[in-house]
Amino acid sequence: MNITVAQAADLPELAAMLAEFQKSLESVTTIDEAKNTRYLKQILKSEKSGTVFIGHTSSHQPAAFAIVCHRLSSPDADSIPHILDLYVRESFRRKGFGRQLFDHVVRWAKSKKYAQLCWQVENLNLTAQYMFDTYNPAITGWVGYSLDLRKEPGA
């Protein structure tokens, strides 16, 4: 897989893959292509916002993407890269593309002299957990919460 930092020219391919990713999530009920495009443009316009990596097969088919944003860390008094999403198109799964993309992000973070790299995985995504567990990462012990602001509290 050929992995590059995504550019504006990659926007149509990224938007299509982002929509595929969203369709796989129970929490996403509608896909808003214009909103997705604005979101991706925002990240692509400034390295401070984040970095998007896109992976193409040897035949130039877009196969995967990773969105890495920079999160402030009070303990480190610095920003740290946080993988928001790592997605491999269904037809390219179980071929090592996810591992190649993750390894690329790790090398990138090391080259930028970051002290750590963070990510989260849905508790039901056992395939991703299995892959990430092979890296022997530190399990943070943090519990992730998400509040759906479209619903009334306590509903």
C-alpha atoms as a PDB file:
ATOM      1  CA  MET A   1       0.000   0.000   0.000  1.00  0.00           C
ATOM      2  CA  ASN A   2       1.226   3.485  -0.849  1.00  0.00           C
ATOM      3  CA  ILE A   3       0.460   5.848   2.034  1.00  0.00           C
ATOM      4  CA  THR A   4       0.647   9.617   1.665  1.00  0.00           C
ATOM      5  CA  VAL A   5      -0.508  12.700   3.498  1.00  0.00           C
ATOM      6  CA  ALA A   6      -3.839  13.555   1.918  1.00  0.00           C
ATOM      7  CA  GLN A   7      -4.115  16.689  -0.189  1.00  0.00           C
ATOM      8  CA  ALA A   8      -7.089  18.646  -1.522  1.00  0.00           C
ATOM      9  CA  ALA A   9      -7.042  16.488  -4.677  1.00  0.00           C
ATOM     10  CA  ASP A  10      -7.809  13.447  -2.466  1.00  0.00           C
ATOM     11  CA  LEU A  11     -10.985  15.044  -1.114  1.00  0.00           C
ATOM     12  CA  PRO A  12     -13.496  13.109  -3.301  1.00  0.00           C
ATOM     13  CA  GLU A  13     -11.913   9.755  -2.380  1.00  0.00           C
ATOM     14  CA  LEU A  14     -11.717  10.698   1.308  1.00  0.00           C
ATOM     15  CA  ALA A  15     -15.312  11.921   1.394  1.00  0.00           C
ATOM     16  CA  ALA A  16     -16.507   8.649  -0.140  1.00  0.00           C
ATOM     17  CA  MET A  17     -14.559   6.581   2.393  1.00  0.00           C
ATOM     18  CA  LEU A  18     -15.727   8.786   5.286  1.00  0.00           C
ATOM     19  CA  ALA A  19     -19.343   8.184   4.235  1.00  0.00           C
ATOM     20  CA  GLU A  20     -18.677   4.414   4.104  1.00  0.00           C
ATOM     21  CA  PHE A  21     -17.145   4.586   7.578  1.00  0.00           C
ATOM     22  CA  GLN A  22     -20.120   6.541   8.921  1.00  0.00           C
ATOM     23  CA  LYS A  23     -22.589   4.033   7.452  1.00  0.00           C
ATOM     24  CA  SER A  24     -20.885   1.310   9.484  1.00  0.00           C
ATOM     25  CA  LEU A  25     -21.584   3.134  12.750  1.00  0.00           C
ATOM     26  CA  GLU A  26     -24.822   2.758  14.681  1.00  0.00           C
ATOM     27  CA  SER A  27     -24.541   6.320  15.985  1.00  0.00           C
ATOM     28  CA  VAL A  28     -24.727   7.895  12.510  1.00  0.00           C
ATOM     29  CA  THR A  29     -28.246   7.987  11.136  1.00  0.00           C
ATOM     30  CA  THR A  30     -27.763  10.341   8.164  1.00  0.00           C
ATOM     31  CA  ILE A  31     -24.810  11.089   5.929  1.00  0.00           C
ATOM     32  CA  ASP A  32     -24.332  14.770   5.092  1.00  0.00           C
ATOM     33  CA  GLU A  33     -21.877  14.932   2.204  1.00  0.00           C
ATOM     34  CA  ALA A  34     -21.496  18.724   2.361  1.00  0.00           C
ATOM     35  CA  LYS A  35     -20.758  18.577   6.081  1.00  0.00           C
ATOM     36  CA  ASN A  36     -18.254  15.752   5.535  1.00  0.00           C
ATOM     37  CA  THR A  37     -16.475  17.778   2.863  1.00  0.00           C
ATOM     38  CA  ARG A  38     -16.269  20.852   5.126  1.00  0.00           C
ATOM     39  CA  TYR A  39     -14.927  18.676   7.945  1.00  0.00           C
ATOM     40  CA  LEU A  40     -12.223  17.132   5.783  1.00  0.00           C
ATOM     41  CA  LYS A  41     -11.268  20.511   4.257  1.00  0.00           C
ATOM     42  CA  GLN A  42     -10.858  21.929   7.760  1.00  0.00           C
ATOM     43  CA  ILE A  43      -8.369  19.206   8.679  1.00  0.00           C
ATOM     44  CA  LEU A  44      -6.538  19.332   5.356  1.00  0.00           C
ATOM     45  CA  LYS A  45      -6.018  23.103   5.424  1.00  0.00           C
ATOM     46  CA  SER A  46      -3.780  23.175   8.486  1.00  0.00           C
ATOM     47  CA  GLU A  47      -1.354  20.723  10.043  1.00  0.00           C
ATOM     48  CA  LYS A  48      -2.343  22.256  13.397  1.00  0.00           C
ATOM     49  CA  SER A  49      -5.822  20.807  12.912  1.00  0.00           C
ATOM     50  CA  GLY A  50      -4.501  17.406  12.075  1.00  0.00           C
ATOM     51  CA  THR A  51      -3.157  15.144   9.382  1.00  0.00           C
ATOM     52  CA  VAL A  52      -5.042  12.776   7.140  1.00  0.00           C
ATOM     53  CA  PHE A  53      -3.237   9.797   5.675  1.00  0.00           C
ATOM     54  CA  ILE A  54      -4.638   7.979   2.674  1.00  0.00           C
ATOM     55  CA  GLY A  55      -3.587   4.547   1.509  1.00  0.00           C
ATOM     56  CA  HIS A  56      -3.828   3.410  -2.100  1.00  0.00           C
ATOM     57  CA  THR A  57      -3.290  -0.063  -3.472  1.00  0.00           C
ATOM     58  CA  SER A  58      -0.615  -0.719  -6.089  1.00  0.00           C
ATOM     59  CA  SER A  59      -3.373  -0.217  -8.687  1.00  0.00           C
ATOM     60  CA  HIS A  60      -4.113   3.245  -7.173  1.00  0.00           C
ATOM     61  CA  GLN A  61      -7.422   2.297  -5.560  1.00  0.00           C
ATOM     62  CA  PRO A  62      -8.155   4.207  -2.348  1.00  0.00           C
ATOM     63  CA  ALA A  63      -8.189   1.514   0.332  1.00  0.00           C
ATOM     64  CA  ALA A  64      -7.876   3.197   3.726  1.00  0.00           C
ATOM     65  CA  PHE A  65      -7.493   6.414   5.652  1.00  0.00           C
ATOM     66  CA  ALA A  66      -6.396   7.580   9.072  1.00  0.00           C
ATOM     67  CA  ILE A  67      -7.306  10.911  10.631  1.00  0.00           C
ATOM     68  CA  VAL A  68      -4.835  12.081  13.254  1.00  0.00           C
ATOM     69  CA  CYS A  69      -5.622  15.201  15.261  1.00  0.00           C
ATOM     70  CA  HIS A  70      -3.537  16.976  17.829  1.00  0.00           C
ATOM     71  CA  ARG A  71      -4.897  16.991  21.352  1.00  0.00           C
ATOM     72  CA  LEU A  72      -3.532  19.059  24.182  1.00  0.00           C
ATOM     73  CA  SER A  73      -2.143  17.084  27.095  1.00  0.00           C
ATOM     74  CA  SER A  74      -1.827  18.778  30.471  1.00  0.00           C
ATOM     75  CA  PRO A  75       0.445  16.059  31.921  1.00  0.00           C
ATOM     76  CA  ASP A  76       2.813  16.487  28.955  1.00  0.00           C
ATOM     77  CA  ALA A  77       2.262  20.255  28.632  1.00  0.00           C
ATOM     78  CA  ASP A  78       2.290  19.614  24.915  1.00  0.00           C
ATOM     79  CA  SER A  79       0.103  18.407  22.103  1.00  0.00           C
ATOM     80  CA  ILE A  80      -0.028  14.725  21.293  1.00  0.00           C
ATOM     81  CA  PRO A  81      -1.304  13.007  18.171  1.00  0.00           C
ATOM     82  CA  HIS A  82      -4.580  11.183  18.615  1.00  0.00           C
ATOM     83  CA  ILE A  83      -5.864   8.801  15.955  1.00  0.00           C
ATOM     84  CA  LEU A  84      -9.515   9.744  15.592  1.00  0.00           C
ATOM     85  CA  ASP A  85     -10.275   7.222  12.897  1.00  0.00           C
ATOM     86  CA  LEU A  86      -8.475   4.461  11.077  1.00  0.00           C
ATOM     87  CA  TYR A  87     -10.689   2.952   8.401  1.00  0.00           C
ATOM     88  CA  VAL A  88     -10.049   0.227   5.845  1.00  0.00           C
ATOM     89  CA  ARG A  89     -12.619  -0.323   3.127  1.00  0.00           C
ATOM     90  CA  GLU A  90     -14.398  -3.631   3.556  1.00  0.00           C
ATOM     91  CA  SER A  91     -13.066  -5.141   0.316  1.00  0.00           C
ATOM     92  CA  PHE A  92      -9.490  -4.511   1.485  1.00  0.00           C
ATOM     93  CA  ARG A  93      -9.790  -5.861   5.016  1.00  0.00           C
ATOM     94  CA  ARG A  94      -7.745  -8.788   6.331  1.00  0.00           C
ATOM     95  CA  LYS A  95      -4.956  -8.028   3.862  1.00  0.00           C
ATOM     96  CA  GLY A  96      -2.684  -6.123   6.226  1.00  0.00           C
ATOM     97  CA  PHE A  97      -3.714  -2.633   5.112  1.00  0.00           C
ATOM     98  CA  GLY A  98      -4.830  -1.559   8.596  1.00  0.00           C
ATOM     99  CA  ARG A  99      -1.533  -2.657  10.106  1.00  0.00           C
ATOM    100  CA  GLN A 100       0.444  -0.912   7.333  1.00  0.00           C
ATOM    101  CA  LEU A 101      -1.493   2.303   7.886  1.00  0.00           C
ATOM    102  CA  PHE A 102      -1.076   2.151  11.663  1.00  0.00           C
ATOM    103  CA  ASP A 103       2.657   1.427  11.333  1.00  0.00           C
ATOM    104  CA  HIS A 104       2.946   4.426   9.012  1.00  0.00           C
ATOM    105  CA  VAL A 105       1.251   6.681  11.574  1.00  0.00           C
ATOM    106  CA  VAL A 106       3.608   5.381  14.295  1.00  0.00           C
ATOM    107  CA  ARG A 107       6.663   6.143  12.120  1.00  0.00           C
ATOM    108  CA  TRP A 108       5.272   9.590  11.314  1.00  0.00           C
ATOM    109  CA  ALA A 109       4.687  10.375  15.014  1.00  0.00           C
ATOM    110  CA  LYS A 110       8.217   9.229  15.906  1.00  0.00           C
ATOM    111  CA  SER A 111       9.684  11.361  13.108  1.00  0.00           C
ATOM    112  CA  LYS A 112       7.876  14.384  14.573  1.00  0.00           C
ATOM    113  CA  LYS A 113       9.425  13.569  17.987  1.00  0.00           C
ATOM    114  CA  TYR A 114       6.093  13.047  19.737  1.00  0.00           C
ATOM    115  CA  ALA A 115       6.377  11.281  23.076  1.00  0.00           C
ATOM    116  CA  GLN A 116       3.226   9.231  22.632  1.00  0.00           C
ATOM    117  CA  LEU A 117       0.398   8.337  20.283  1.00  0.00           C
ATOM    118  CA  CYS A 118      -3.158   7.784  21.483  1.00  0.00           C
ATOM    119  CA  TRP A 119      -6.268   6.177  20.048  1.00  0.00           C
ATOM    120  CA  GLN A 120      -9.510   4.618  21.160  1.00  0.00           C
ATOM    121  CA  VAL A 121     -11.392   1.622  19.835  1.00  0.00           C
ATOM    122  CA  GLU A 122     -15.068   0.888  20.243  1.00  0.00           C
ATOM    123  CA  ASN A 123     -15.522  -1.833  22.840  1.00  0.00           C
ATOM    124  CA  LEU A 124     -17.309  -4.074  20.329  1.00  0.00           C
ATOM    125  CA  ASN A 125     -14.661  -3.740  17.607  1.00  0.00           C
ATOM    126  CA  LEU A 126     -12.815  -6.920  18.517  1.00  0.00           C
ATOM    127  CA  THR A 127     -10.958  -7.114  15.192  1.00  0.00           C
ATOM    128  CA  ALA A 128      -9.317  -3.734  15.763  1.00  0.00           C
ATOM    129  CA  GLN A 129      -8.625  -4.561  19.406  1.00  0.00           C
ATOM    130  CA  TYR A 130      -6.895  -7.778  18.379  1.00  0.00           C
ATOM    131  CA  MET A 131      -4.676  -5.921  15.908  1.00  0.00           C
ATOM    132  CA  PHE A 132      -3.787  -3.149  18.351  1.00  0.00           C
ATOM    133  CA  ASP A 133      -3.141  -5.604  21.185  1.00  0.00           C
ATOM    134  CA  THR A 134      -0.301  -7.116  19.142  1.00  0.00           C
ATOM    135  CA  TYR A 135       1.592  -3.832  19.659  1.00  0.00           C
ATOM    136  CA  ASN A 136       1.494  -4.280  23.460  1.00  0.00           C
ATOM    137  CA  PRO A 137       0.194  -0.756  24.059  1.00  0.00           C
ATOM    138  CA  ALA A 138      -0.317   0.598  27.533  1.00  0.00           C
ATOM    139  CA  ILE A 139      -3.974   0.338  28.453  1.00  0.00           C
ATOM    140  CA  THR A 140      -4.752   3.722  29.930  1.00  0.00           C
ATOM    141  CA  GLY A 141      -7.503   2.683  32.266  1.00  0.00           C
ATOM    142  CA  TRP A 142      -9.515   5.687  31.176  1.00  0.00           C
ATOM    143  CA  VAL A 143     -13.219   5.229  30.542  1.00  0.00           C
ATOM    144  CA  GLY A 144     -14.565   6.968  27.456  1.00  0.00           C
ATOM    145  CA  TYR A 145     -17.846   8.833  27.669  1.00  0.00           C
ATOM    146  CA  SER A 146     -19.941  10.476  25.003  1.00  0.00           C
ATOM    147  CA  LEU A 147     -22.963  12.668  25.612  1.00  0.00           C
ATOM    148  CA  ASP A 148     -25.449  12.844  22.747  1.00  0.00           C
ATOM    149  CA  LEU A 149     -26.470  16.499  22.839  1.00  0.00           C
ATOM    150  CA  ARG A 150     -29.330  15.842  20.432  1.00  0.00           C
ATOM    151  CA  LYS A 151     -31.189  14.021  23.219  1.00  0.00           C
ATOM    152  CA  GLU A 152     -32.592  15.302  26.480  1.00  0.00           C
ATOM    153  CA  PRO A 153     -30.454  14.511  29.572  1.00  0.00           C
ATOM    154  CA  GLY A 154     -31.632  11.371  31.328  1.00  0.00           C
ATOM    155  CA  ALA A 155     -33.749  10.322  28.336  1.00  0.00           C
END
